[in-house]
Amino acid sequence: MLDQYLTIKDIAAREHTDDVVGLVEAVVNVAPEVEQITGRVIAGTSYLARIRKAIHAGRAFRKVNSGTLLGASTYDQTRFNCFPFDAQMQIDEATLDAAEGEGDSRGKLMTEEAVGAMRAKAIDLGLQFYQGTLNDSLGCPGLADFLVTAQQQIDPRTNAAVDLVVDANGGNNTSTSTNESVWFVREGAQGVHWLFGAGQGLRMNPWYPQRVADAQGKVFRAWCANVFGFIGISSASYYSVGVIKNVDATTGATASANATYPLNDSLVAALWAKFPIDQKPTKCFASQRAIYTLQRSRTTTLFANAGTPGNQNSGGAAPVAPWPTSLPTAGGIPIIPTDSIQVGKAPTAY
């Protein structure tokens, strides 16, 4: 990835634009993960979680004048780390002077650049939230990493590996080019939440002038700033992350062109049933494509004036179910649309 700088061409594009309309955002990626998932500040850049993996295995009763075997819990610990988050910004002094010469505001330009940098980093964090080290090995683990870790543990209910995965296509489709994942998380202190290290959140440092060097080592004066902090994701409980994988994202205008393996309420119910009774997920994250396949998978019945059911409205168009915003087969938890879940990016590990 190459450095990207604000140019005179960008300044020209801002010239004489309407302040009432303001800045029209053409980068429409929505990454709600930072806003939708709770976070907390920790003193250092990591913390240790203690996890009970097994409890007393002895029987509850004994014979008179006979004892019982001793028992004890089995514990483990997991470290969750925060990683340096840095959004660097730099504007050439000549670019700022040119902007002011055209009647632009230096403060507005700097503010809009800072907002743009944060939008870009929010999109990066959205990708990291799901793919984790598969997205950026320098960043924090994500839901995919936590899911694989959980699968290496034994579920005391089944004496088998923890299994919080439902396959939408049942393993019938080996192609992943149109497939994606739908994620279910239980958020909270023991569940999924963001970590902000070093006793602070993200810090927007002030703009200041300094000498910088170009690619050839030649120096010039520029105004610089950055947004800095330590960010991580915690998921101490093995039952905080579940996924419906291999959802077919292909959609069309007609039922015949719809996804072969859509997201549907039956799949949601199957995953919901895999979570422990007292550790159900609290939120679902899915792309608009996957949510649309859920909408198309649902059927509706319209009633004519005489009270007889029909499958078409007065205009002859097939009825469409409402846009899904919650999941009745999963305790009514909200389904949150996001652009951070990518087609064909589901890791094969889970």
Protein backbone atom coordinates (compact mmCIF):
# COMPACT_ATOMS: atom_id res chain seq x y z
CA MET A 1 0.00 0.00 0.00
CA LEU A 2 1.40 3.39 -1.01
CA ASP A 3 1.24 6.66 0.90
CA GLN A 4 -1.62 8.89 -0.20
CA TYR A 5 -1.49 12.67 0.00
CA LEU A 6 -3.96 15.49 -0.45
CA THR A 7 -3.16 17.15 -3.82
CA ILE A 8 -3.81 20.45 -5.59
CA LYS A 9 -6.33 18.56 -7.74
CA ASP A 10 -8.25 17.69 -4.58
CA ILE A 11 -8.18 21.35 -3.53
CA ALA A 12 -9.51 22.36 -6.96
CA ALA A 13 -12.36 19.90 -6.53
CA ARG A 14 -13.33 21.70 -3.30
CA GLU A 15 -13.33 25.16 -4.90
CA HIS A 16 -16.60 27.14 -4.83
CA THR A 17 -18.62 24.16 -3.57
CA ASP A 18 -21.90 24.80 -1.76
CA ASP A 19 -21.69 24.88 2.05
CA VAL A 20 -25.40 24.12 2.39
CA VAL A 21 -24.96 20.82 0.56
CA GLY A 22 -21.70 20.24 2.38
CA LEU A 23 -19.40 17.31 1.77
CA VAL A 24 -21.21 14.59 -0.21
CA GLU A 25 -19.86 11.21 0.88
CA ALA A 26 -19.33 8.80 -2.01
CA VAL A 27 -17.54 6.27 0.19
CA VAL A 28 -20.69 4.58 1.49
CA ASN A 29 -19.19 1.58 3.31
CA VAL A 30 -20.99 1.12 6.60
CA ALA A 31 -18.96 -0.42 9.43
CA PRO A 32 -21.17 -0.36 12.55
CA GLU A 33 -19.09 -2.78 14.60
CA VAL A 34 -17.29 -0.12 16.67
CA GLU A 35 -20.59 1.58 17.56
CA GLN A 36 -22.67 -1.56 18.05
CA ILE A 37 -20.25 -3.52 20.27
CA THR A 38 -19.49 -2.20 23.75
CA GLY A 39 -15.93 -1.44 24.82
CA ARG A 40 -13.90 -0.74 27.94
CA VAL A 41 -10.63 0.94 28.86
CA ILE A 42 -7.90 -1.10 30.57
CA ALA A 43 -4.85 0.21 32.41
CA GLY A 44 -2.17 -1.55 30.36
CA THR A 45 -2.15 -3.04 26.89
CA SER A 46 -3.32 -6.52 27.90
CA TYR A 47 -5.25 -8.42 30.54
CA LEU A 48 -5.55 -12.03 31.69
CA ALA A 49 -8.94 -13.77 31.82
CA ARG A 50 -9.39 -16.80 34.10
CA ILE A 51 -11.56 -19.55 32.69
CA ARG A 52 -13.04 -22.53 34.50
CA LYS A 53 -12.85 -25.48 32.09
CA ALA A 54 -14.21 -28.23 34.36
CA ILE A 55 -15.94 -28.57 37.72
CA HIS A 56 -15.99 -31.19 40.51
CA ALA A 57 -16.58 -34.58 38.87
CA GLY A 58 -17.47 -36.55 42.01
CA ARG A 59 -20.89 -37.94 42.83
CA ALA A 60 -23.29 -35.89 44.94
CA PHE A 61 -24.27 -38.66 47.39
CA ARG A 62 -22.44 -41.22 49.49
CA LYS A 63 -23.19 -44.25 51.65
CA VAL A 64 -23.26 -44.04 55.41
CA ASN A 65 -19.78 -44.55 56.85
CA SER A 66 -18.31 -44.25 53.34
CA GLY A 67 -16.56 -41.28 51.82
CA THR A 68 -16.49 -39.73 48.36
CA LEU A 69 -13.66 -38.91 46.04
CA LEU A 70 -12.06 -35.50 46.19
CA GLY A 71 -12.72 -33.14 43.30
CA ALA A 72 -11.68 -29.69 42.13
CA SER A 73 -12.23 -27.26 39.33
CA THR A 74 -9.85 -27.00 36.39
CA TYR A 75 -8.78 -23.48 35.41
CA ASP A 76 -7.03 -21.88 32.48
CA GLN A 77 -6.08 -18.33 31.56
CA THR A 78 -6.08 -16.43 28.30
CA ARG A 79 -4.31 -13.17 27.53
CA PHE A 80 -6.07 -10.54 25.43
CA ASN A 81 -3.84 -7.86 23.94
CA CYS A 82 -4.30 -4.38 22.52
CA PHE A 83 -2.42 -3.32 19.40
CA PRO A 84 -1.21 0.12 18.24
CA PHE A 85 -3.85 1.86 16.13
CA ASP A 86 -2.50 4.77 14.10
CA ALA A 87 -4.18 6.99 11.49
CA GLN A 88 -1.52 9.32 10.09
CA MET A 89 -2.45 12.54 8.25
CA GLN A 90 -0.20 14.95 6.41
CA ILE A 91 -1.03 18.05 4.33
CA ASP A 92 1.68 19.94 2.44
CA GLU A 93 1.97 23.59 3.51
CA ALA A 94 1.67 24.57 -0.17
CA THR A 95 -1.63 22.67 -0.43
CA LEU A 96 -3.05 24.45 2.61
CA ASP A 97 -1.94 27.85 1.31
CA ALA A 98 -3.52 27.09 -2.06
CA ALA A 99 -6.77 26.14 -0.35
CA GLU A 100 -6.85 29.37 1.64
CA GLY A 101 -6.07 31.31 -1.54
CA GLU A 102 -9.18 29.80 -3.12
CA GLY A 103 -11.32 30.85 -0.16
CA ASP A 104 -11.34 27.45 1.51
CA SER A 105 -11.05 27.13 5.26
CA ARG A 106 -7.88 25.61 6.66
CA GLY A 107 -9.75 24.41 9.72
CA LYS A 108 -12.53 22.83 7.65
CA LEU A 109 -10.01 21.08 5.43
CA MET A 110 -8.15 19.64 8.41
CA THR A 111 -11.41 18.58 10.09
CA GLU A 112 -12.73 16.82 6.99
CA GLU A 113 -9.41 15.03 6.53
CA ALA A 114 -9.52 13.84 10.15
CA VAL A 115 -13.11 12.60 9.73
CA GLY A 116 -12.11 10.84 6.51
CA ALA A 117 -9.17 9.15 8.21
CA MET A 118 -11.43 7.89 10.99
CA ARG A 119 -13.96 6.58 8.47
CA ALA A 120 -11.19 4.68 6.70
CA LYS A 121 -9.92 3.22 9.97
CA ALA A 122 -13.46 2.29 11.05
CA ILE A 123 -13.78 0.29 7.83
CA ASP A 124 -10.44 -1.39 8.61
CA LEU A 125 -11.62 -2.19 12.13
CA GLY A 126 -14.83 -3.67 10.72
CA LEU A 127 -12.85 -6.09 8.58
CA GLN A 128 -10.57 -6.91 11.53
CA PHE A 129 -13.57 -7.56 13.78
CA TYR A 130 -14.57 -10.61 11.70
CA GLN A 131 -11.41 -11.84 9.98
CA GLY A 132 -8.91 -10.89 12.67
CA THR A 133 -5.34 -11.96 11.93
CA LEU A 134 -6.45 -13.26 8.53
CA ASN A 135 -7.21 -9.64 7.61
CA ASP A 136 -4.15 -8.02 9.20
CA SER A 137 -1.56 -10.03 11.12
CA LEU A 138 -0.39 -6.84 12.88
CA GLY A 139 -3.83 -6.32 14.43
CA CYS A 140 -5.99 -8.00 17.04
CA PRO A 141 -7.71 -11.38 16.71
CA GLY A 142 -11.29 -11.33 15.46
CA LEU A 143 -14.39 -13.49 15.54
CA ALA A 144 -12.87 -16.07 13.18
CA ASP A 145 -9.90 -16.51 15.54
CA PHE A 146 -12.13 -16.83 18.61
CA LEU A 147 -14.31 -19.38 16.84
CA VAL A 148 -11.32 -21.58 15.96
CA THR A 149 -10.03 -21.32 19.56
CA ALA A 150 -13.43 -22.40 20.89
CA GLN A 151 -13.46 -25.42 18.58
CA GLN A 152 -10.31 -26.64 20.32
CA GLN A 153 -12.18 -26.82 23.65
CA ILE A 154 -14.46 -29.57 25.02
CA ASP A 155 -18.13 -28.77 25.56
CA PRO A 156 -19.17 -30.42 28.87
CA ARG A 157 -22.71 -30.86 27.55
CA THR A 158 -21.59 -33.16 24.74
CA ASN A 159 -18.02 -34.21 25.68
CA ALA A 160 -17.13 -33.17 22.12
CA ALA A 161 -15.55 -30.04 20.67
CA VAL A 162 -17.46 -26.79 21.10
CA ASP A 163 -19.60 -26.44 17.97
CA LEU A 164 -21.27 -23.10 17.24
CA VAL A 165 -21.26 -23.42 13.44
CA VAL A 166 -24.12 -24.09 11.04
CA ASP A 167 -23.39 -24.74 7.36
CA ALA A 168 -26.00 -23.17 5.09
CA ASN A 169 -25.23 -25.49 2.19
CA GLY A 170 -24.56 -28.60 4.24
CA GLY A 171 -21.17 -29.02 2.59
CA ASN A 172 -22.76 -29.52 -0.83
CA ASN A 173 -21.14 -26.53 -2.50
CA THR A 174 -17.36 -26.44 -2.61
CA SER A 175 -17.22 -23.00 -4.27
CA THR A 176 -16.86 -20.03 -1.94
CA SER A 177 -16.83 -17.26 -4.55
CA THR A 178 -20.44 -16.26 -3.76
CA ASN A 179 -20.57 -17.44 -0.15
CA GLU A 180 -20.30 -15.42 3.03
CA SER A 181 -20.80 -15.73 6.78
CA VAL A 182 -23.48 -14.45 9.15
CA TRP A 183 -22.10 -13.83 12.64
CA PHE A 184 -23.80 -14.12 16.03
CA VAL A 185 -22.13 -12.61 19.11
CA ARG A 186 -22.83 -12.41 22.80
CA GLU A 187 -21.41 -9.09 23.94
CA GLY A 188 -20.40 -8.11 27.44
CA ALA A 189 -17.51 -8.28 29.90
CA GLN A 190 -17.12 -12.06 29.51
CA GLY A 191 -18.32 -12.01 25.91
CA VAL A 192 -17.25 -9.97 22.90
CA HIS A 193 -16.18 -6.39 23.53
CA TRP A 194 -13.59 -3.87 22.38
CA LEU A 195 -10.53 -3.12 24.49
CA PHE A 196 -8.88 0.30 24.64
CA GLY A 197 -5.45 0.10 26.22
CA ALA A 198 -3.04 2.36 28.11
CA GLY A 199 -5.88 3.87 30.12
CA GLN A 200 -7.36 5.84 27.25
CA GLY A 201 -9.51 5.63 24.17
CA LEU A 202 -8.53 6.91 20.75
CA ARG A 203 -6.67 10.23 20.95
CA MET A 204 -6.85 12.86 18.20
CA ASN A 205 -3.53 14.68 18.35
CA PRO A 206 -3.45 18.35 17.25
CA TRP A 207 -2.20 19.44 13.85
CA TYR A 208 1.32 20.86 13.92
CA PRO A 209 3.90 21.94 11.29
CA GLN A 210 7.08 19.95 10.80
CA ARG A 211 9.69 19.07 8.20
CA VAL A 212 8.94 15.83 6.35
CA ALA A 213 10.72 13.95 3.58
CA ASP A 214 9.43 12.69 0.25
CA ALA A 215 10.25 9.32 -1.32
CA GLN A 216 13.60 10.67 -2.53
CA GLY A 217 14.56 12.02 0.86
CA LYS A 218 13.95 15.67 -0.07
CA VAL A 219 12.35 17.69 2.73
CA PHE A 220 9.47 20.14 2.82
CA ARG A 221 7.20 21.65 5.45
CA ALA A 222 3.81 20.07 6.12
CA TRP A 223 1.07 20.04 8.72
CA CYS A 224 0.73 16.66 10.43
CA ALA A 225 -1.63 14.96 12.85
CA ASN A 226 -2.72 11.49 13.79
CA VAL A 227 -5.33 9.53 15.68
CA PHE A 228 -3.65 7.07 18.03
CA GLY A 229 -4.59 4.47 20.60
CA PHE A 230 -4.30 0.80 21.56
CA ILE A 231 -7.20 -1.39 20.40
CA GLY A 232 -8.03 -5.04 20.94
CA ILE A 233 -11.02 -7.37 21.04
CA SER A 234 -11.85 -9.64 23.96
CA SER A 235 -13.95 -12.83 23.94
CA ALA A 236 -13.15 -14.80 27.09
CA SER A 237 -16.15 -17.16 26.94
CA TYR A 238 -15.93 -19.97 24.39
CA TYR A 239 -19.66 -19.55 23.76
CA SER A 240 -19.63 -15.89 22.66
CA VAL A 241 -19.24 -16.36 18.89
CA GLY A 242 -21.27 -18.41 16.43
CA VAL A 243 -21.59 -18.38 12.66
CA ILE A 244 -23.81 -19.51 9.81
CA LYS A 245 -21.29 -20.13 7.06
CA ASN A 246 -21.57 -20.62 3.30
CA VAL A 247 -24.64 -18.44 2.88
CA ASP A 248 -25.04 -17.93 -0.87
CA ALA A 249 -25.00 -14.18 -1.54
CA THR A 250 -26.31 -14.50 -5.09
CA THR A 251 -29.61 -12.67 -5.47
CA GLY A 252 -31.85 -11.85 -8.39
CA ALA A 253 -35.10 -10.14 -9.28
CA THR A 254 -37.04 -13.41 -9.44
CA ALA A 255 -37.32 -16.41 -7.16
CA SER A 256 -35.57 -18.60 -9.72
CA ALA A 257 -32.58 -16.25 -9.66
CA ASN A 258 -32.42 -16.17 -5.88
CA ALA A 259 -29.65 -17.71 -3.78
CA THR A 260 -29.35 -21.50 -3.79
CA TYR A 261 -28.44 -21.54 -0.09
CA PRO A 262 -30.05 -18.44 1.42
CA LEU A 263 -30.08 -17.34 5.01
CA ASN A 264 -33.35 -18.55 6.51
CA ASP A 265 -35.08 -18.85 9.86
CA SER A 266 -34.44 -22.59 10.05
CA LEU A 267 -30.66 -22.04 9.93
CA VAL A 268 -30.94 -19.30 12.55
CA ALA A 269 -32.94 -21.57 14.85
CA ALA A 270 -30.39 -24.37 14.41
CA LEU A 271 -27.52 -22.11 15.48
CA TRP A 272 -29.53 -20.59 18.34
CA ALA A 273 -30.12 -24.09 19.74
CA LYS A 274 -26.36 -24.77 19.83
CA PHE A 275 -25.63 -21.93 22.26
CA PRO A 276 -25.88 -22.75 25.99
CA ILE A 277 -29.25 -21.92 27.53
CA ASP A 278 -27.86 -19.08 29.64
CA GLN A 279 -25.32 -17.78 27.10
CA LYS A 280 -27.37 -16.93 24.04
CA PRO A 281 -26.08 -14.38 21.51
CA THR A 282 -27.32 -10.81 21.77
CA LYS A 283 -26.69 -9.51 18.24
CA CYS A 284 -26.42 -10.78 14.68
CA PHE A 285 -24.28 -9.13 12.00
CA ALA A 286 -24.94 -9.79 8.31
CA SER A 287 -24.47 -8.12 4.96
CA GLN A 288 -27.43 -6.59 3.15
CA ARG A 289 -27.04 -9.36 0.59
CA ALA A 290 -27.52 -12.06 3.23
CA ILE A 291 -30.41 -10.19 4.87
CA TYR A 292 -32.09 -9.93 1.48
CA THR A 293 -31.87 -13.69 1.01
CA LEU A 294 -33.56 -14.06 4.43
CA GLN A 295 -36.30 -11.69 3.31
CA ARG A 296 -36.79 -13.66 0.08
CA SER A 297 -36.86 -16.96 1.98
CA ARG A 298 -39.88 -15.84 3.98
CA THR A 299 -43.39 -16.11 2.54
CA THR A 300 -46.32 -13.79 3.10
CA THR A 301 -50.04 -14.23 2.76
CA LEU A 302 -52.27 -11.37 1.67
CA PHE A 303 -56.03 -11.38 2.21
CA ALA A 304 -58.53 -10.13 -0.37
CA ASN A 305 -61.57 -8.05 0.55
CA ALA A 306 -63.67 -11.18 1.03
CA GLY A 307 -61.18 -12.49 3.55
CA THR A 308 -59.79 -15.24 1.30
CA PRO A 309 -56.03 -15.69 1.26
CA GLY A 310 -54.10 -14.93 -1.88
CA ASN A 311 -50.50 -14.83 -2.99
CA GLN A 312 -50.67 -11.63 -5.03
CA ASN A 313 -51.69 -8.06 -4.37
CA SER A 314 -54.13 -6.05 -6.47
CA GLY A 315 -51.39 -5.04 -8.90
CA GLY A 316 -50.48 -8.63 -9.62
CA ALA A 317 -47.02 -8.47 -7.99
CA ALA A 318 -45.91 -11.26 -5.69
CA PRO A 319 -45.98 -10.23 -2.00
CA VAL A 320 -42.66 -9.60 -0.27
CA ALA A 321 -41.98 -10.10 3.43
CA PRO A 322 -40.87 -7.02 5.42
CA TRP A 323 -37.17 -6.23 5.61
CA PRO A 324 -35.80 -8.28 8.54
CA THR A 325 -34.59 -6.24 11.51
CA SER A 326 -34.73 -8.96 14.18
CA LEU A 327 -34.71 -12.74 14.37
CA PRO A 328 -37.81 -14.32 15.94
CA THR A 329 -36.21 -17.78 15.87
CA ALA A 330 -33.25 -16.39 17.83
CA GLY A 331 -34.96 -14.75 20.77
CA GLY A 332 -35.81 -11.62 18.75
CA ILE A 333 -32.19 -10.38 18.76
CA PRO A 334 -31.45 -7.52 16.33
CA ILE A 335 -29.89 -8.22 12.94
CA ILE A 336 -27.42 -5.47 12.10
CA PRO A 337 -26.48 -4.80 8.45
CA THR A 338 -22.80 -4.21 7.72
CA ASP A 339 -20.50 -3.82 4.72
CA SER A 340 -17.59 -5.36 6.64
CA ILE A 341 -18.56 -8.96 5.81
CA GLN A 342 -17.09 -9.78 2.42
CA VAL A 343 -18.18 -12.30 -0.19
CA GLY A 344 -15.80 -15.24 -0.63
CA LYS A 345 -13.73 -14.28 2.42
CA ALA A 346 -14.91 -16.94 4.85
CA PRO A 347 -11.89 -18.79 6.29
CA THR A 348 -11.92 -22.53 5.67
CA ALA A 349 -10.73 -23.21 9.24
CA TYR A 350 -14.22 -23.27 10.68
